[in-house]
């Protein structure tokens, strides 16, 4: 097992992770015993777990493995980024972002697309629906209450939309104009929080505004000494916690 490719996850006492040598592995959380190890063609993401299945993204594929044995259940057809200028595996082409799992579909973003793959599928698994955006995506989607949320952010000089999409049909429910981001939306208590490169935090009603184009319910800036970059937020016990690019830790009452 080579070095770690992304952060591992834990489910039912087992730790699932990925390696830089394109392997998915399962380790007993108590004994540290390696339970199984499965080589794949390409692995890039933190795994996701649902109903006894481990899902993991690669540069051009999404994989589904039996969580008990590591056996490959299915993989998607090879799907490119939609941008022929990108070299596969380069810093500007991270491949499929980490998946999120709903009741019927696994959702990923890659290059210029949001993709939904049936959980019950066979190789080569084709998407049930897709949405294409010319600006492209640089973070994975989020999912809650049957809705997929994803924000564009490939070009930091161009504002792009935040999407709210019906998880079953792929119908766009609403969008919002946001500045670029490389972090997925954070959802808590019916509110969607989105940060951008420039220290802005925007809050939207997760169920929309009654129109096709929505504006933030509120926004604030945590711009840190003029530095742009990744501003991370989490919601815990009614407070919004934010971490700035210079290491400042902020808390907001909601």
Protein backbone atom coordinates (compact mmCIF):
# COMPACT_ATOMS: atom_id res chain seq x y z
CA UNK A 1 0.00 0.00 0.00
CA UNK A 2 1.55 3.30 -1.10
CA UNK A 3 1.14 6.75 0.34
CA UNK A 4 -2.33 8.12 0.98
CA UNK A 5 -4.16 9.73 -1.92
CA UNK A 6 -6.90 11.50 0.07
CA UNK A 7 -8.52 11.53 3.52
CA UNK A 8 -9.97 8.16 4.61
CA UNK A 9 -13.48 7.55 5.96
CA UNK A 10 -14.80 5.21 8.65
CA UNK A 11 -18.00 3.15 8.58
CA UNK A 12 -19.12 0.27 10.80
CA UNK A 13 -15.72 0.02 12.47
CA UNK A 14 -13.78 -0.15 9.19
CA UNK A 15 -11.53 2.54 7.73
CA UNK A 16 -11.63 2.91 3.94
CA UNK A 17 -8.96 4.84 2.07
CA UNK A 18 -7.16 5.32 -1.22
CA UNK A 19 -3.46 5.29 -2.11
CA UNK A 20 -1.25 7.07 -4.62
CA UNK A 21 -0.62 3.66 -6.19
CA UNK A 22 -4.30 3.55 -7.32
CA UNK A 23 -5.56 1.16 -4.67
CA UNK A 24 -8.60 1.18 -2.40
CA UNK A 25 -8.11 -0.47 0.97
CA UNK A 26 -10.08 -1.44 4.07
CA UNK A 27 -8.52 -1.59 7.54
CA UNK A 28 -10.06 -2.84 10.78
CA UNK A 29 -10.46 0.25 12.95
CA UNK A 30 -9.60 -1.60 16.18
CA UNK A 31 -6.82 -3.99 15.20
CA UNK A 32 -5.32 -2.04 12.26
CA UNK A 33 -5.47 -5.29 10.25
CA UNK A 34 -5.66 -4.88 6.48
CA UNK A 35 -8.95 -6.51 5.46
CA UNK A 36 -8.66 -6.08 1.71
CA UNK A 37 -6.83 -4.12 -0.93
CA UNK A 38 -8.15 -3.56 -4.47
CA UNK A 39 -6.08 -2.14 -7.35
CA UNK A 40 -7.88 0.11 -9.84
CA UNK A 41 -6.90 1.98 -12.99
CA UNK A 42 -7.08 5.44 -11.42
CA UNK A 43 -7.92 6.70 -7.93
CA UNK A 44 -8.06 10.32 -6.80
CA UNK A 45 -10.64 10.86 -4.08
CA UNK A 46 -11.80 10.26 -0.56
CA UNK A 47 -14.22 7.30 -0.66
CA UNK A 48 -17.93 7.43 0.10
CA UNK A 49 -19.88 4.63 1.83
CA UNK A 50 -23.55 3.67 1.55
CA UNK A 51 -25.45 0.41 2.12
CA UNK A 52 -22.43 -1.87 2.07
CA UNK A 53 -20.82 -0.28 -0.98
CA UNK A 54 -17.69 1.88 -1.22
CA UNK A 55 -17.61 4.48 -3.99
CA UNK A 56 -14.40 6.14 -5.11
CA UNK A 57 -13.52 8.54 -7.92
CA UNK A 58 -10.65 8.42 -10.38
CA UNK A 59 -9.37 10.67 -13.15
CA UNK A 60 -11.88 9.28 -15.63
CA UNK A 61 -14.07 6.84 -13.70
CA UNK A 62 -16.33 6.30 -10.72
CA UNK A 63 -16.00 2.89 -9.05
CA UNK A 64 -18.34 0.90 -6.81
CA UNK A 65 -16.82 -1.85 -4.62
CA UNK A 66 -18.26 -4.35 -2.19
CA UNK A 67 -17.36 -2.94 1.23
CA UNK A 68 -16.85 -6.40 2.77
CA UNK A 69 -14.64 -7.94 0.09
CA UNK A 70 -13.31 -5.11 -2.06
CA UNK A 71 -14.73 -6.78 -5.18
CA UNK A 72 -15.43 -4.35 -8.00
CA UNK A 73 -19.18 -4.20 -8.56
CA UNK A 74 -19.13 -1.76 -11.47
CA UNK A 75 -17.27 1.16 -12.93
CA UNK A 76 -18.37 3.97 -15.19
CA UNK A 77 -17.44 4.46 -18.78
CA UNK A 78 -14.37 6.65 -19.24
CA UNK A 79 -15.48 10.29 -19.17
CA UNK A 80 -13.24 13.24 -19.98
CA UNK A 81 -13.35 16.71 -18.51
CA UNK A 82 -14.93 18.31 -21.56
CA UNK A 83 -11.84 20.50 -21.98
CA UNK A 84 -9.38 19.15 -24.54
CA UNK A 85 -6.76 21.67 -23.40
CA UNK A 86 -6.31 19.85 -20.09
CA UNK A 87 -3.70 17.16 -19.66
CA UNK A 88 -5.20 14.18 -17.76
CA UNK A 89 -4.06 14.14 -14.17
CA UNK A 90 -2.64 17.66 -14.21
CA UNK A 91 -3.26 20.15 -11.42
CA UNK A 92 -5.99 21.68 -13.57
CA UNK A 93 -7.60 18.33 -14.27
CA UNK A 94 -8.29 16.58 -10.95
CA UNK A 95 -10.65 14.13 -12.64
CA UNK A 96 -13.81 13.08 -10.84
CA UNK A 97 -14.28 14.88 -7.53
CA UNK A 98 -15.36 12.89 -4.44
CA UNK A 99 -18.83 11.39 -4.90
CA UNK A 100 -21.91 11.97 -2.75
CA UNK A 101 -24.53 9.24 -2.50
CA UNK A 102 -28.30 9.58 -2.62
CA UNK A 103 -31.02 6.94 -2.43
CA UNK A 104 -30.86 6.11 -6.14
CA UNK A 105 -27.78 7.79 -7.61
CA UNK A 106 -24.14 8.59 -6.98
CA UNK A 107 -23.31 12.18 -7.90
CA UNK A 108 -19.95 13.55 -9.02
CA UNK A 109 -18.58 16.62 -10.74
CA UNK A 110 -15.77 16.48 -13.26
CA UNK A 111 -14.42 19.12 -15.57
CA UNK A 112 -17.50 20.83 -16.97
CA UNK A 113 -20.20 18.40 -15.82
CA UNK A 114 -22.42 17.29 -12.95
CA UNK A 115 -23.10 13.57 -13.41
CA UNK A 116 -25.61 11.17 -11.81
CA UNK A 117 -24.93 7.42 -11.94
CA UNK A 118 -27.48 4.77 -10.87
CA UNK A 119 -26.44 2.90 -7.73
CA UNK A 120 -27.71 -0.30 -9.33
CA UNK A 121 -25.54 -0.39 -12.42
CA UNK A 122 -23.16 -2.52 -14.46
CA UNK A 123 -19.89 -1.89 -16.27
CA UNK A 124 -19.63 0.36 -18.20
CA UNK A 125 -22.06 2.45 -16.18
CA UNK A 126 -23.47 5.46 -18.06
CA UNK A 127 -24.87 8.57 -16.36
CA UNK A 128 -28.63 8.79 -15.94
CA UNK A 129 -28.38 12.54 -16.44
CA UNK A 130 -25.77 15.25 -16.71
CA UNK A 131 -25.50 19.04 -16.63
CA UNK A 132 -22.79 20.92 -18.49
CA UNK A 133 -21.39 24.31 -17.53
CA UNK A 134 -18.81 26.10 -19.65
CA UNK A 135 -16.93 27.47 -16.63
CA UNK A 136 -16.35 24.05 -15.04
CA UNK A 137 -16.19 22.66 -11.52
CA UNK A 138 -13.31 22.53 -9.04
CA UNK A 139 -15.07 20.87 -6.10
CA UNK A 140 -17.42 18.00 -5.49
CA UNK A 141 -21.18 18.33 -5.09
CA UNK A 142 -23.27 18.32 -1.93
CA UNK A 143 -26.57 16.49 -1.49
CA UNK A 144 -29.52 16.91 0.88
CA UNK A 145 -33.24 16.16 0.75
CA UNK A 146 -33.14 14.94 -2.82
CA UNK A 147 -31.29 17.98 -4.18
CA UNK A 148 -27.75 18.14 -5.61
CA UNK A 149 -25.81 21.37 -5.09
CA UNK A 150 -22.63 22.26 -6.99
CA UNK A 151 -20.72 25.48 -7.62
CA UNK A 152 -18.53 26.39 -10.57
CA UNK A 153 -15.10 27.83 -10.07
CA UNK A 154 -12.61 26.81 -12.70
CA UNK A 155 -11.95 30.37 -13.85
CA UNK A 156 -11.26 32.68 -10.91
CA UNK A 157 -11.81 35.72 -13.13
CA UNK A 158 -15.38 34.81 -14.10
CA UNK A 159 -18.44 34.61 -11.87
CA UNK A 160 -20.39 31.39 -12.32
CA UNK A 161 -23.53 29.81 -11.00
CA UNK A 162 -24.32 27.81 -7.93
CA UNK A 163 -26.65 25.02 -9.04
CA UNK A 164 -29.51 23.36 -7.18
CA UNK A 165 -30.60 20.30 -9.18
CA UNK A 166 -33.35 17.71 -8.67
CA UNK A 167 -31.40 14.57 -7.83
CA UNK A 168 -33.78 12.23 -9.67
CA UNK A 169 -34.48 14.11 -12.88
CA UNK A 170 -31.49 16.42 -13.31
CA UNK A 171 -33.82 19.41 -13.63
CA UNK A 172 -32.22 22.66 -12.51
CA UNK A 173 -34.38 23.98 -9.66
CA UNK A 174 -32.58 27.27 -9.16
CA UNK A 175 -29.22 28.94 -9.63
CA UNK A 176 -27.38 31.83 -8.04
CA UNK A 177 -24.53 33.96 -9.31
CA UNK A 178 -21.49 33.43 -7.11
CA UNK A 179 -17.80 34.15 -7.32
CA UNK A 180 -15.54 31.11 -7.96
CA UNK A 181 -14.92 28.50 -5.28
CA UNK A 182 -12.99 25.25 -4.87
CA UNK A 183 -15.05 24.09 -1.88
CA UNK A 184 -18.44 22.36 -2.07
CA UNK A 185 -21.50 23.98 -0.48
CA UNK A 186 -22.11 23.32 3.22
CA UNK A 187 -25.69 22.53 4.26
CA UNK A 188 -27.18 22.83 7.73
CA UNK A 189 -30.73 23.38 9.01
CA UNK A 190 -32.16 24.22 5.61
CA UNK A 191 -29.46 26.77 4.79
CA UNK A 192 -26.71 26.46 2.19
CA UNK A 193 -23.41 28.22 2.91
CA UNK A 194 -20.94 28.91 0.13
CA UNK A 195 -17.47 30.46 0.38
CA UNK A 196 -15.31 31.78 -2.43
CA UNK A 197 -11.68 32.57 -3.21
CA UNK A 198 -12.07 36.10 -1.93
CA UNK A 199 -13.25 35.55 1.64
CA UNK A 200 -17.00 35.94 1.07
CA UNK A 201 -19.53 33.74 2.87
CA UNK A 202 -22.97 33.59 1.26
CA UNK A 203 -26.07 31.99 2.78
CA UNK A 204 -28.98 30.75 0.65
CA UNK A 205 -32.25 29.04 1.52
CA UNK A 206 -31.59 25.46 0.44
CA UNK A 207 -35.12 25.10 -0.95
CA UNK A 208 -34.67 28.19 -3.13
CA UNK A 209 -36.39 31.54 -3.28
CA UNK A 210 -39.44 30.81 -5.42
CA UNK A 211 -37.64 31.95 -8.57
CA UNK A 212 -35.15 30.41 -11.01
CA UNK A 213 -32.40 32.87 -10.01
CA UNK A 214 -31.76 33.46 -6.29
CA UNK A 215 -29.76 35.94 -4.26
CA UNK A 216 -28.09 35.29 -0.89
CA UNK A 217 -30.25 35.71 2.20
CA UNK A 218 -27.13 37.32 3.65
CA UNK A 219 -23.42 37.52 3.03
CA UNK A 220 -20.35 38.62 4.92
CA UNK A 221 -16.64 38.96 4.25
CA UNK A 222 -13.77 37.32 6.15
CA UNK A 223 -11.13 38.64 3.74
CA UNK A 224 -7.83 38.01 5.53
CA UNK A 225 -5.14 40.66 4.96
CA UNK A 226 -5.79 40.80 1.25
CA UNK A 227 -5.04 37.12 0.62
CA UNK A 228 -7.29 35.13 -1.65
CA UNK A 229 -7.52 31.36 -1.43
CA UNK A 230 -9.52 28.68 0.33
CA UNK A 231 -11.86 29.82 3.12
CA UNK A 232 -13.46 26.84 4.85
CA UNK A 233 -16.68 26.87 6.91
CA UNK A 234 -18.58 24.39 9.10
CA UNK A 235 -21.80 24.64 11.09
CA UNK A 236 -21.91 23.08 14.57
CA UNK A 237 -24.53 23.61 17.29
CA UNK A 238 -25.99 26.74 15.79
CA UNK A 239 -22.69 28.45 15.06
CA UNK A 240 -20.87 29.01 11.80
CA UNK A 241 -17.12 28.45 12.11
CA UNK A 242 -14.75 29.78 9.46
CA UNK A 243 -11.05 29.20 8.86
CA UNK A 244 -9.18 31.81 6.83
CA UNK A 245 -6.17 31.29 4.57
CA UNK A 246 -3.90 32.86 7.20
CA UNK A 247 -5.07 30.52 9.94
CA UNK A 248 -7.55 32.76 11.74
CA UNK A 249 -10.50 30.93 13.29
CA UNK A 250 -13.82 32.80 13.44
CA UNK A 251 -17.24 31.95 14.92
CA UNK A 252 -20.59 33.48 13.96
CA UNK A 253 -23.93 33.10 15.76
CA UNK A 254 -26.77 32.04 13.47
